[in-house]
Protein backbone atom coordinates (compact mmCIF):
# COMPACT_ATOMS: atom_id res chain seq x y z
CA VAL A 1 40.56 7.44 -42.57
CA GLY A 2 43.32 6.39 -40.20
CA VAL A 3 46.90 6.92 -41.30
CA LYS A 4 49.53 5.79 -38.80
CA THR A 5 52.32 8.34 -38.50
CA GLU A 6 55.54 8.51 -36.52
CA SER A 7 55.19 10.10 -33.10
CA ASP A 8 57.43 10.55 -30.06
CA ASP A 9 54.62 9.38 -27.83
CA PRO A 10 53.80 5.67 -28.43
CA THR A 11 50.33 6.13 -26.90
CA LEU A 12 49.36 8.51 -29.67
CA HIS A 13 48.04 7.49 -33.05
CA VAL A 14 47.76 10.19 -35.70
CA VAL A 15 44.60 10.14 -37.79
CA GLU A 16 44.01 11.94 -41.09
CA VAL A 17 40.33 12.92 -41.47
CA THR A 18 39.05 13.91 -44.91
CA PRO A 19 35.61 14.62 -46.37
CA TYR A 20 33.55 11.93 -48.06
CA ARG A 21 33.15 12.20 -51.81
CA THR A 22 31.21 9.06 -52.74
CA GLU A 23 30.51 5.95 -50.74
CA GLY A 24 33.77 4.13 -50.17
CA GLU A 25 35.83 6.88 -51.83
CA TYR A 26 37.88 9.55 -50.09
CA SER A 27 39.67 12.66 -51.29
CA ASP A 28 43.42 13.16 -51.34
CA ALA A 29 44.73 13.10 -47.78
CA ARG A 30 46.82 16.21 -48.40
CA ARG A 31 43.95 18.46 -49.50
CA PRO A 32 43.91 21.87 -47.73
CA ASP A 33 40.48 21.16 -46.24
CA SER A 34 41.74 18.00 -44.55
CA VAL A 35 42.37 18.13 -40.82
CA THR A 36 44.87 15.98 -39.00
CA PHE A 37 44.85 15.28 -35.29
CA GLY A 38 46.09 12.63 -32.91
CA VAL A 39 44.15 10.39 -30.55
CA SER A 40 45.01 7.45 -28.39
CA LEU A 41 45.18 4.15 -30.26
CA ALA A 42 42.28 2.72 -28.28
CA GLU A 43 39.98 5.41 -29.63
CA ASP A 44 41.08 5.20 -33.26
CA LEU A 45 38.20 3.13 -34.57
CA ALA A 46 35.58 5.24 -32.86
CA ARG A 47 37.09 8.38 -34.39
CA ARG A 48 36.94 7.12 -37.97
CA GLU A 49 33.37 8.28 -38.53
CA PHE A 50 34.44 11.92 -38.28
CA THR A 51 34.70 14.09 -41.35
CA VAL A 52 36.29 17.49 -41.89
CA ASN A 53 32.92 19.08 -41.12
CA ALA A 54 33.00 18.16 -37.42
CA ILE A 55 36.11 17.52 -35.30
CA ALA A 56 35.64 16.55 -31.65
CA TYR A 57 38.50 16.77 -29.15
CA ARG A 58 38.20 14.64 -26.07
CA LEU A 59 38.90 16.36 -22.77
CA LYS A 60 41.62 14.11 -21.42
CA THR A 61 45.15 14.46 -20.09
CA GLU A 62 46.92 12.93 -23.11
CA LYS A 63 48.41 15.23 -25.73
CA ILE A 64 46.39 15.94 -28.87
CA VAL A 65 48.67 16.91 -31.73
CA ASP A 66 47.67 19.14 -34.65
CA LEU A 67 50.29 18.41 -37.31
CA TYR A 68 49.16 21.32 -39.49
CA ASN A 69 49.44 24.07 -36.87
CA GLY A 70 51.98 22.53 -34.55
CA MET A 71 49.77 23.02 -31.50
CA GLU A 72 50.02 20.74 -28.48
CA ASP A 73 47.99 20.11 -25.35
CA LEU A 74 44.71 21.10 -26.98
CA ARG A 75 41.94 20.47 -24.48
CA VAL A 76 38.70 21.61 -26.12
CA LYS A 77 35.49 20.48 -24.46
CA ARG A 78 33.06 21.07 -27.31
CA LEU A 79 32.10 19.98 -30.79
CA LYS A 80 33.35 22.60 -33.23
CA ALA A 81 32.08 23.03 -36.79
CA VAL A 82 34.98 23.61 -39.18
CA ARG A 83 32.95 24.83 -42.13
CA ASP A 84 30.31 27.53 -42.38
CA PRO A 85 27.13 25.89 -40.98
CA ASN A 86 24.90 27.92 -43.26
CA GLU A 87 26.59 26.44 -46.32
CA ARG A 88 27.50 22.94 -45.26
CA PHE A 89 25.20 21.63 -42.55
CA ALA A 90 22.16 21.06 -44.75
CA GLU A 91 23.86 18.61 -47.13
CA ASP A 92 26.10 17.00 -44.51
CA ALA A 93 23.48 16.64 -41.78
CA LEU A 94 23.63 12.85 -41.49
CA ARG A 95 27.42 12.79 -41.20
CA MET A 96 27.27 15.62 -38.72
CA MET A 97 24.84 13.54 -36.68
CA ARG A 98 27.43 10.78 -36.42
CA ALA A 99 29.83 13.35 -35.04
CA VAL A 100 27.24 14.45 -32.50
CA ARG A 101 26.73 10.84 -31.45
CA LEU A 102 30.42 10.29 -30.84
CA ALA A 103 30.70 13.61 -29.03
CA ALA A 104 27.88 12.53 -26.71
CA GLU A 105 29.61 9.23 -26.01
CA LEU A 106 32.78 11.12 -25.10
CA ASP A 107 30.90 13.49 -22.75
CA PHE A 108 31.45 16.58 -24.83
CA VAL A 109 29.61 19.84 -24.21
CA ILE A 110 28.04 20.68 -27.57
CA GLU A 111 27.49 24.28 -28.57
CA SER A 112 23.77 24.99 -29.02
CA GLU A 113 24.34 27.02 -32.19
CA THR A 114 26.28 24.10 -33.68
CA ILE A 115 23.43 21.75 -32.93
CA ALA A 116 20.95 24.20 -34.42
CA GLY A 117 22.91 24.34 -37.65
CA ILE A 118 23.36 20.60 -37.86
CA ILE A 119 19.70 19.75 -37.48
CA LYS A 120 18.30 22.62 -39.57
CA ASN A 121 15.22 21.20 -41.29
CA ARG A 122 16.06 17.71 -39.96
CA ASP A 123 14.01 16.85 -36.89
CA ARG A 124 13.04 13.28 -37.70
CA LEU A 125 13.39 10.28 -35.43
CA LYS A 126 16.18 8.76 -37.51
CA ASP A 127 18.37 11.80 -36.86
CA ILE A 128 17.90 11.37 -33.11
CA ALA A 129 18.72 7.70 -33.60
CA ILE A 130 21.99 8.57 -35.36
CA ALA A 131 22.90 11.14 -32.72
CA SER A 132 22.17 8.74 -29.85
CA GLY A 133 23.64 5.59 -31.39
CA LEU A 134 20.31 3.80 -31.04
CA ASN A 135 17.85 2.45 -33.55
CA VAL A 136 14.71 4.36 -34.53
CA SER A 137 12.40 1.96 -32.71
CA THR A 138 14.27 2.42 -29.42
CA VAL A 139 14.24 6.19 -29.83
CA SER A 140 10.52 6.19 -30.51
CA ARG A 141 9.79 4.06 -27.45
CA ALA A 142 12.11 6.15 -25.27
CA LEU A 143 10.29 9.34 -26.27
CA LYS A 144 7.00 7.67 -25.32
CA ASP A 145 8.40 6.64 -21.89
CA LYS A 146 7.93 2.93 -22.54
CA LEU A 147 8.93 0.92 -19.47
CA ASP A 148 10.99 -1.59 -21.44
CA ILE A 149 13.50 1.21 -22.14
CA SER A 150 15.85 2.01 -19.26
CA ILE A 151 15.54 5.33 -17.46
CA SER A 152 19.08 6.34 -18.44
CA THR A 153 18.36 5.65 -22.12
CA ARG A 154 15.10 7.59 -21.97
CA GLN A 155 16.87 10.53 -20.38
CA LYS A 156 19.64 10.42 -22.96
CA VAL A 157 17.22 10.33 -25.90
CA LYS A 158 15.06 13.12 -24.50
CA SER A 159 18.13 15.28 -23.89
CA ILE A 160 19.28 14.89 -27.49
CA ALA A 161 15.74 15.40 -28.80
CA LYS A 162 15.42 18.62 -26.80
CA LYS A 163 18.68 19.97 -28.22
CA MET A 164 17.43 19.15 -31.70
CA GLY A 165 14.12 20.89 -31.13
CA TYR A 166 12.28 17.64 -31.83
CA LYS A 167 8.64 17.54 -30.73
CA PRO A 168 7.14 14.05 -30.88
CA ARG A 169 3.47 13.98 -31.73
CA ILE A 170 0.87 11.31 -32.32
CA LEU A 171 -1.41 12.17 -35.23
CA LYS A 172 -5.06 12.22 -34.26
CA ASN A 173 -6.92 12.35 -37.53
CA ASN A 174 -10.13 13.63 -36.00
CA ILE A 175 -8.81 16.78 -34.29
CA VAL A 176 -8.11 20.19 -35.84
CA GLY A 177 -6.60 23.11 -33.97
CA VAL A 178 -8.06 26.61 -34.35
CA LEU A 179 -6.18 29.73 -33.29
CA ILE A 180 -8.23 32.91 -33.14
CA PRO A 181 -7.60 36.24 -31.34
CA GLU A 182 -10.86 36.39 -29.38
CA VAL A 183 -14.56 35.60 -29.45
CA THR A 184 -15.81 38.75 -27.74
CA SER A 185 -16.50 40.53 -31.01
CA GLN A 186 -19.17 39.14 -33.28
CA TYR A 187 -16.79 39.09 -36.23
CA TYR A 188 -14.48 36.52 -34.62
CA SER A 189 -17.27 34.62 -32.92
CA GLU A 190 -18.96 34.20 -36.29
CA ILE A 191 -15.76 32.82 -37.78
CA ALA A 192 -15.35 30.46 -34.81
CA HIS A 193 -18.94 29.20 -35.04
CA SER A 194 -18.59 28.57 -38.76
CA LEU A 195 -15.31 26.67 -38.35
CA ILE A 196 -16.59 24.44 -35.56
CA LYS A 197 -19.79 23.67 -37.47
CA LYS A 198 -18.05 22.77 -40.73
CA LEU A 199 -15.33 20.73 -39.02
CA LYS A 200 -17.96 18.74 -37.16
CA GLU A 201 -19.77 18.07 -40.43
CA ASN A 202 -16.51 16.60 -41.73
CA GLY A 203 -16.07 14.38 -38.66
CA TYR A 204 -13.47 16.48 -36.85
CA ASP A 205 -13.38 17.74 -33.28
CA THR A 206 -11.80 21.10 -32.48
CA ILE A 207 -9.18 22.31 -30.04
CA PHE A 208 -9.88 26.00 -29.76
CA MET A 209 -7.30 28.50 -28.46
CA LEU A 210 -7.59 32.25 -28.00
CA THR A 211 -4.30 33.92 -28.91
CA GLY A 212 -4.77 37.66 -28.60
CA PHE A 213 -3.38 39.89 -31.30
CA THR A 214 0.37 39.24 -31.49
CA GLY A 215 2.44 36.83 -33.54
CA GLU A 216 4.33 35.74 -30.42
CA GLN A 217 1.14 34.54 -28.75
CA ILE A 218 0.03 32.76 -31.90
CA SER A 219 3.41 30.98 -32.18
CA LYS A 220 3.21 29.80 -28.55
CA ALA A 221 -0.31 28.47 -29.05
CA PHE A 222 0.81 26.77 -32.26
CA GLU A 223 3.50 24.84 -30.38
CA ILE A 224 0.94 23.71 -27.82
CA LEU A 225 -1.29 22.37 -30.59
CA LEU A 226 1.65 20.50 -32.11
CA ASN A 227 2.09 18.62 -28.85
CA GLN A 228 -1.59 17.68 -28.95
CA GLY A 229 -1.10 15.83 -32.24
CA VAL A 230 -3.67 17.70 -34.31
CA ALA A 231 -4.25 16.78 -37.96
CA GLY A 232 -4.20 20.40 -39.11
CA ILE A 233 -4.41 23.98 -37.87
CA ILE A 234 -6.45 27.02 -38.91
CA ILE A 235 -4.88 30.33 -37.86
CA ASN A 236 -6.47 33.76 -37.80
CA GLU A 237 -3.37 35.96 -37.92
CA THR A 238 -3.45 39.64 -37.09
CA ASP A 239 -0.07 41.38 -37.18
CA HIS A 240 1.96 39.40 -39.74
CA SER A 241 4.68 38.49 -37.23
CA ILE A 242 4.12 34.76 -36.89
CA ASN A 243 7.12 32.43 -36.67
CA TYR A 244 6.76 31.00 -40.17
CA THR A 245 9.75 28.70 -39.69
CA LEU A 246 7.77 26.96 -36.96
CA LEU A 247 4.84 26.52 -39.32
CA GLU A 248 7.03 25.08 -42.05
CA LYS A 249 8.85 22.64 -39.79
CA SER A 250 5.57 21.28 -38.41
CA GLY A 251 4.70 19.69 -41.75
CA LEU A 252 1.01 20.12 -40.90
CA PRO A 253 -1.79 21.21 -43.24
CA ILE A 254 -2.38 24.88 -42.36
CA VAL A 255 -4.88 27.52 -43.44
CA MET A 256 -4.29 31.19 -42.68
CA LEU A 257 -7.15 33.66 -42.23
CA SER A 258 -6.65 37.41 -42.32
CA GLU A 259 -7.89 40.84 -43.22
CA GLY A 260 -5.73 42.40 -45.89
CA ASP A 261 -2.96 40.77 -47.88
CA ILE A 262 -1.33 37.59 -46.61
CA THR A 263 2.24 37.23 -47.81
CA THR A 264 3.82 34.13 -46.31
CA PRO A 265 7.33 32.78 -46.94
CA VAL A 266 5.96 29.25 -46.67
CA PRO A 267 3.41 27.53 -48.92
CA VAL A 268 0.17 27.50 -46.93
CA ASP A 269 -3.44 28.05 -47.95
CA SER A 270 -4.73 31.51 -47.10
CA ILE A 271 -8.06 33.30 -47.12
CA ARG A 272 -8.39 37.03 -46.78
CA ILE A 273 -11.14 39.62 -46.71
CA SER A 274 -10.32 42.65 -48.84
CA ILE A 275 -10.07 45.64 -46.50
CA GLU A 276 -9.53 47.84 -49.53
CA ARG A 277 -12.97 46.95 -50.81
CA GLU A 278 -14.53 47.45 -47.35
CA MET A 279 -13.18 50.97 -47.00
CA TYR A 280 -13.81 51.84 -50.64
CA LEU A 281 -17.48 50.82 -50.36
CA ALA A 282 -17.99 52.88 -47.19
CA LEU A 283 -16.20 55.94 -48.54
CA ASN A 284 -17.82 55.75 -51.97
CA HIS A 285 -21.26 55.48 -50.39
CA LEU A 286 -20.75 58.61 -48.30
CA THR A 287 -19.19 60.69 -51.07
CA GLY A 288 -21.99 59.56 -53.36
CA LEU A 289 -24.45 61.08 -50.90
CA GLY A 290 -22.53 64.34 -51.07
CA HIS A 291 -20.39 64.14 -47.93
CA LYS A 292 -17.00 65.86 -47.97
CA ASP A 293 -16.26 66.21 -44.25
CA ILE A 294 -15.80 62.56 -43.37
CA GLY A 295 -14.33 61.32 -40.07
CA TYR A 296 -13.27 58.00 -38.55
CA ILE A 297 -13.57 56.48 -35.07
CA GLY A 298 -11.93 53.22 -34.04
CA GLU A 299 -9.61 51.32 -31.73
CA TYR A 300 -5.91 50.76 -32.19
CA LEU A 301 -6.38 47.04 -32.83
CA SER A 302 -8.41 47.93 -35.93
CA ASP A 303 -5.82 50.30 -37.34
CA ILE A 304 -5.43 48.17 -40.45
CA ARG A 305 -8.84 49.50 -41.50
CA PHE A 306 -7.98 53.06 -40.55
CA ASN A 307 -4.68 53.00 -42.46
CA THR A 308 -6.39 51.56 -45.51
CA LEU A 309 -9.09 54.25 -45.38
CA CYS A 310 -6.48 57.02 -45.20
CA ARG A 311 -4.66 55.59 -48.19
CA ILE A 312 -7.84 55.44 -50.27
CA MET A 313 -8.83 58.97 -49.26
CA LYS A 314 -5.44 60.31 -50.37
CA GLN A 315 -5.68 58.42 -53.66
CA SER A 316 -9.14 59.93 -54.17
CA ASN A 317 -7.95 63.45 -53.26
CA ILE A 318 -10.34 63.59 -50.31
CA GLN A 319 -9.15 65.83 -47.50
CA ILE A 320 -8.33 64.14 -44.19
CA ASN A 321 -9.11 66.43 -41.27
CA GLN A 322 -7.19 65.19 -38.22
CA GLU A 323 -9.82 66.73 -35.92
CA PHE A 324 -12.31 64.26 -37.38
CA ILE A 325 -10.09 61.24 -36.53
CA LYS A 326 -10.54 59.71 -33.07
CA ARG A 327 -8.82 56.47 -32.05
CA GLY A 328 -8.11 54.88 -28.68
CA LYS A 329 -7.48 51.69 -26.75
CA GLU A 330 -11.06 51.21 -25.51
CA ARG A 331 -13.02 48.66 -27.48
CA PHE A 332 -16.56 47.82 -28.58
CA GLU A 333 -19.51 50.04 -27.62
CA LEU A 334 -17.58 51.82 -24.86
CA GLY A 335 -14.83 52.76 -27.29
CA GLY A 336 -17.36 54.12 -29.77
CA PHE A 337 -19.11 56.12 -27.05
CA LEU A 338 -15.85 57.70 -25.81
CA ARG A 339 -14.51 58.50 -29.27
CA ALA A 340 -17.83 60.13 -30.24
CA LYS A 341 -17.63 62.24 -27.07
CA GLU A 342 -14.20 63.40 -28.19
CA LEU A 343 -15.64 64.37 -31.57
CA LEU A 344 -18.37 66.34 -29.84
CA ASP A 345 -15.69 68.35 -28.01
CA GLU A 346 -14.38 69.69 -31.32
CA LYS A 347 -15.55 73.07 -32.61
CA ILE A 348 -16.94 71.50 -35.77
CA LEU A 349 -18.29 68.02 -36.52
CA PRO A 350 -17.90 65.97 -39.67
CA THR A 351 -21.10 65.35 -41.60
CA ALA A 352 -20.39 61.62 -41.66
CA ILE A 353 -18.13 59.10 -39.93
CA ILE A 354 -16.93 55.60 -40.65
CA ALA A 355 -16.69 53.39 -37.55
CA GLY A 356 -13.97 50.74 -37.29
CA TYR A 357 -16.71 48.16 -36.76
CA ASP A 358 -20.41 48.02 -35.96
CA GLN A 359 -20.16 47.79 -32.17
CA PHE A 360 -18.12 51.01 -32.25
CA ALA A 361 -20.89 52.62 -34.31
CA VAL A 362 -23.52 51.55 -31.76
CA GLY A 363 -21.65 53.29 -28.92
CA ALA A 364 -21.18 56.41 -31.06
CA ILE A 365 -24.90 56.60 -31.88
CA ARG A 366 -25.73 56.64 -28.17
CA ALA A 367 -23.24 59.47 -27.54
CA PHE A 368 -24.67 61.54 -30.40
CA ASN A 369 -28.23 60.92 -29.25
CA GLU A 370 -27.37 62.02 -25.71
CA ALA A 371 -25.94 65.21 -27.20
CA GLY A 372 -29.24 65.87 -28.96
CA LEU A 373 -28.06 64.90 -32.45
CA ASN A 374 -30.18 62.77 -34.74
CA ILE A 375 -28.91 59.99 -37.00
CA PRO A 376 -28.70 60.49 -39.99
CA GLU A 377 -30.15 64.02 -40.15
CA ASP A 378 -27.27 65.60 -38.21
CA ILE A 379 -24.53 63.06 -38.86
CA SER A 380 -24.34 59.86 -40.91
CA ILE A 381 -22.61 56.70 -39.70
CA VAL A 382 -21.34 53.63 -41.57
CA GLY A 383 -20.18 50.54 -39.70
CA VAL A 384 -18.25 47.45 -40.75
CA ASP A 385 -19.08 43.75 -40.18
CA ASN A 386 -22.91 43.85 -40.56
CA ILE A 387 -23.62 42.21 -37.20
CA VAL A 388 -27.04 40.67 -36.58
CA THR A 389 -28.20 43.49 -34.27
CA ASP A 390 -27.89 46.13 -37.02
CA ASP A 391 -31.48 45.51 -38.15
CA PHE A 392 -32.83 45.87 -34.59
CA LEU A 393 -31.29 49.19 -33.55
CA PRO A 394 -33.56 52.27 -33.19
CA THR A 395 -31.73 53.59 -36.24
CA LYS A 396 -30.86 50.65 -38.45
CA LEU A 397 -27.15 50.77 -39.22
CA THR A 398 -25.71 50.98 -42.72
CA SER A 399 -22.79 48.54 -42.74
CA ILE A 400 -20.24 46.70 -44.84
CA THR A 401 -20.61 42.93 -44.76
CA ASN A 402 -17.65 40.86 -43.73
CA PRO A 403 -18.18 37.34 -45.10
CA ALA A 404 -16.86 35.79 -41.88
CA SER A 405 -19.01 32.65 -42.06
CA HIS A 406 -17.98 32.10 -45.68
CA MET A 407 -14.37 32.39 -44.57
CA GLY A 408 -14.89 29.47 -42.20
CA VAL A 409 -16.55 27.35 -44.89
CA VAL A 410 -13.75 27.91 -47.39
CA ALA A 411 -11.05 27.36 -44.74
CA VAL A 412 -12.40 23.95 -43.78
CA LYS A 413 -12.77 22.95 -47.42
CA LEU A 414 -9.13 23.78 -48.14
CA LEU A 415 -7.92 22.07 -44.97
CA MET A 416 -9.85 18.88 -45.66
CA ASP A 417 -8.45 18.69 -49.17
CA ASN A 418 -4.92 19.08 -47.83
CA ILE A 419 -5.44 16.43 -45.14
CA ASN A 420 -7.14 13.91 -47.42
CA ASN A 421 -5.13 14.53 -50.60
CA PRO A 422 -1.74 15.88 -49.52
CA ASN A 423 0.06 14.86 -52.71
CA GLU A 424 -2.52 16.39 -55.06
CA HIS A 425 -3.42 19.43 -52.99
CA VAL A 426 -2.72 22.79 -54.63
CA VAL A 427 -1.99 25.68 -52.27
CA GLN A 428 -4.49 28.50 -52.81
CA THR A 429 -4.95 32.14 -51.87
CA VAL A 430 -8.62 33.14 -51.74
CA ALA A 431 -9.91 36.74 -51.51
CA LEU A 432 -13.48 37.17 -50.27
CA GLN A 433 -15.31 40.36 -51.26
CA SER A 434 -17.50 42.48 -49.01
CA LYS A 435 -20.65 44.38 -50.00
CA LEU A 436 -22.56 47.42 -48.81
CA ILE A 437 -25.84 47.05 -46.91
CA VAL A 438 -27.68 50.41 -46.92
CA ARG A 439 -30.06 51.04 -44.03
CA ASN A 440 -31.23 54.16 -42.16
CA SER A 441 -28.04 55.56 -40.61
CA THR A 442 -26.81 57.40 -43.73
CA ALA A 443 -28.32 60.26 -45.73
CA PRO A 444 -27.16 63.35 -47.68
CA PRO A 445 -25.52 66.01 -45.46
CA CYS A 446 -27.79 68.68 -43.95
CA ARG A 447 -25.16 71.40 -44.47
């Protein structure tokens, strides 16, 4: 709201800027949260879109007068938020965007944290249009590098979009992204095979990405999939450190897969396999056979199973002998072989061990056999995952099933419902239960 006020300098025009209350209505000009500043008369009209939430000072040689504080010669080359961005930016985002647009026209340097607050949860094309002073259609075509939009306009739009964290994407309804740590182990390869098969049955192709075992890698891969315009994403998370804000802002249908509990701050479908039941079944089977000296071998990446086993043993008042616990960085059969060798170096052996997964158990069996021990007469072994080779080993392996293929089936079903019926879809958390498969690698203790 412009209010002409007396000034010693005829080139200055003093403007009172107050917050909007309702359309066409303004608050009292003398409210404490009003801010008064002077600009040259030629710029008066352009300045009128400002509110108390965003005051931009043009870097010029003319005086800028703050009537409230009596300051002169203010030369601030930035857009400064007056109010707390955490409290005000969300509701005032559109008005703040008008301020950003004017600031851009006046060649201001805008603080990145100010931009981040302004556009929190607002990354749509119309916000870029407001900030750039263009219409939505022009913005859309500029982001797509259409030749009918000038190079300077395309560069301007892309610069603003980058500051706003906007990621344009074209929805391809027949592509689903899948993020999974690896396919070397049979557990993950079985999940991957099941997902690809069920997605194909539903008419969807798959972009498959291997992410490793950290939330940072998963988040990076997620951003890549966003740029590919996928219709939805299935994520096998491992360490509970995913950037959930990124997931929420994407607006995509998402299904999370995991071992153990999945507690997400955003509403996404999730499927988990109960590690508690896995470890309980293995431990209960061995104690039921009469074993008291029970050990564990595994790799660090499977520590979620180890930690769960220790918790259950404590709850069951079963002694945990640290000499019977062997863990390391080596994986698969080699890891099992090396950890079993370490057990053999101890003065006394457990009567039974639980392996982090079946391939670990296979390597351990070889090490015990080379040492002249027989399975299960001298030592019993239980694995986890129930891989297909368990039935074909010289000593068939007792194992806990992991319903990995069922996980893929349920994941695709939930994703398809979310894609096809987004308004009616109900977010679900599904827990799949494991079961014990008894074979020849376990027996009552010989001592």
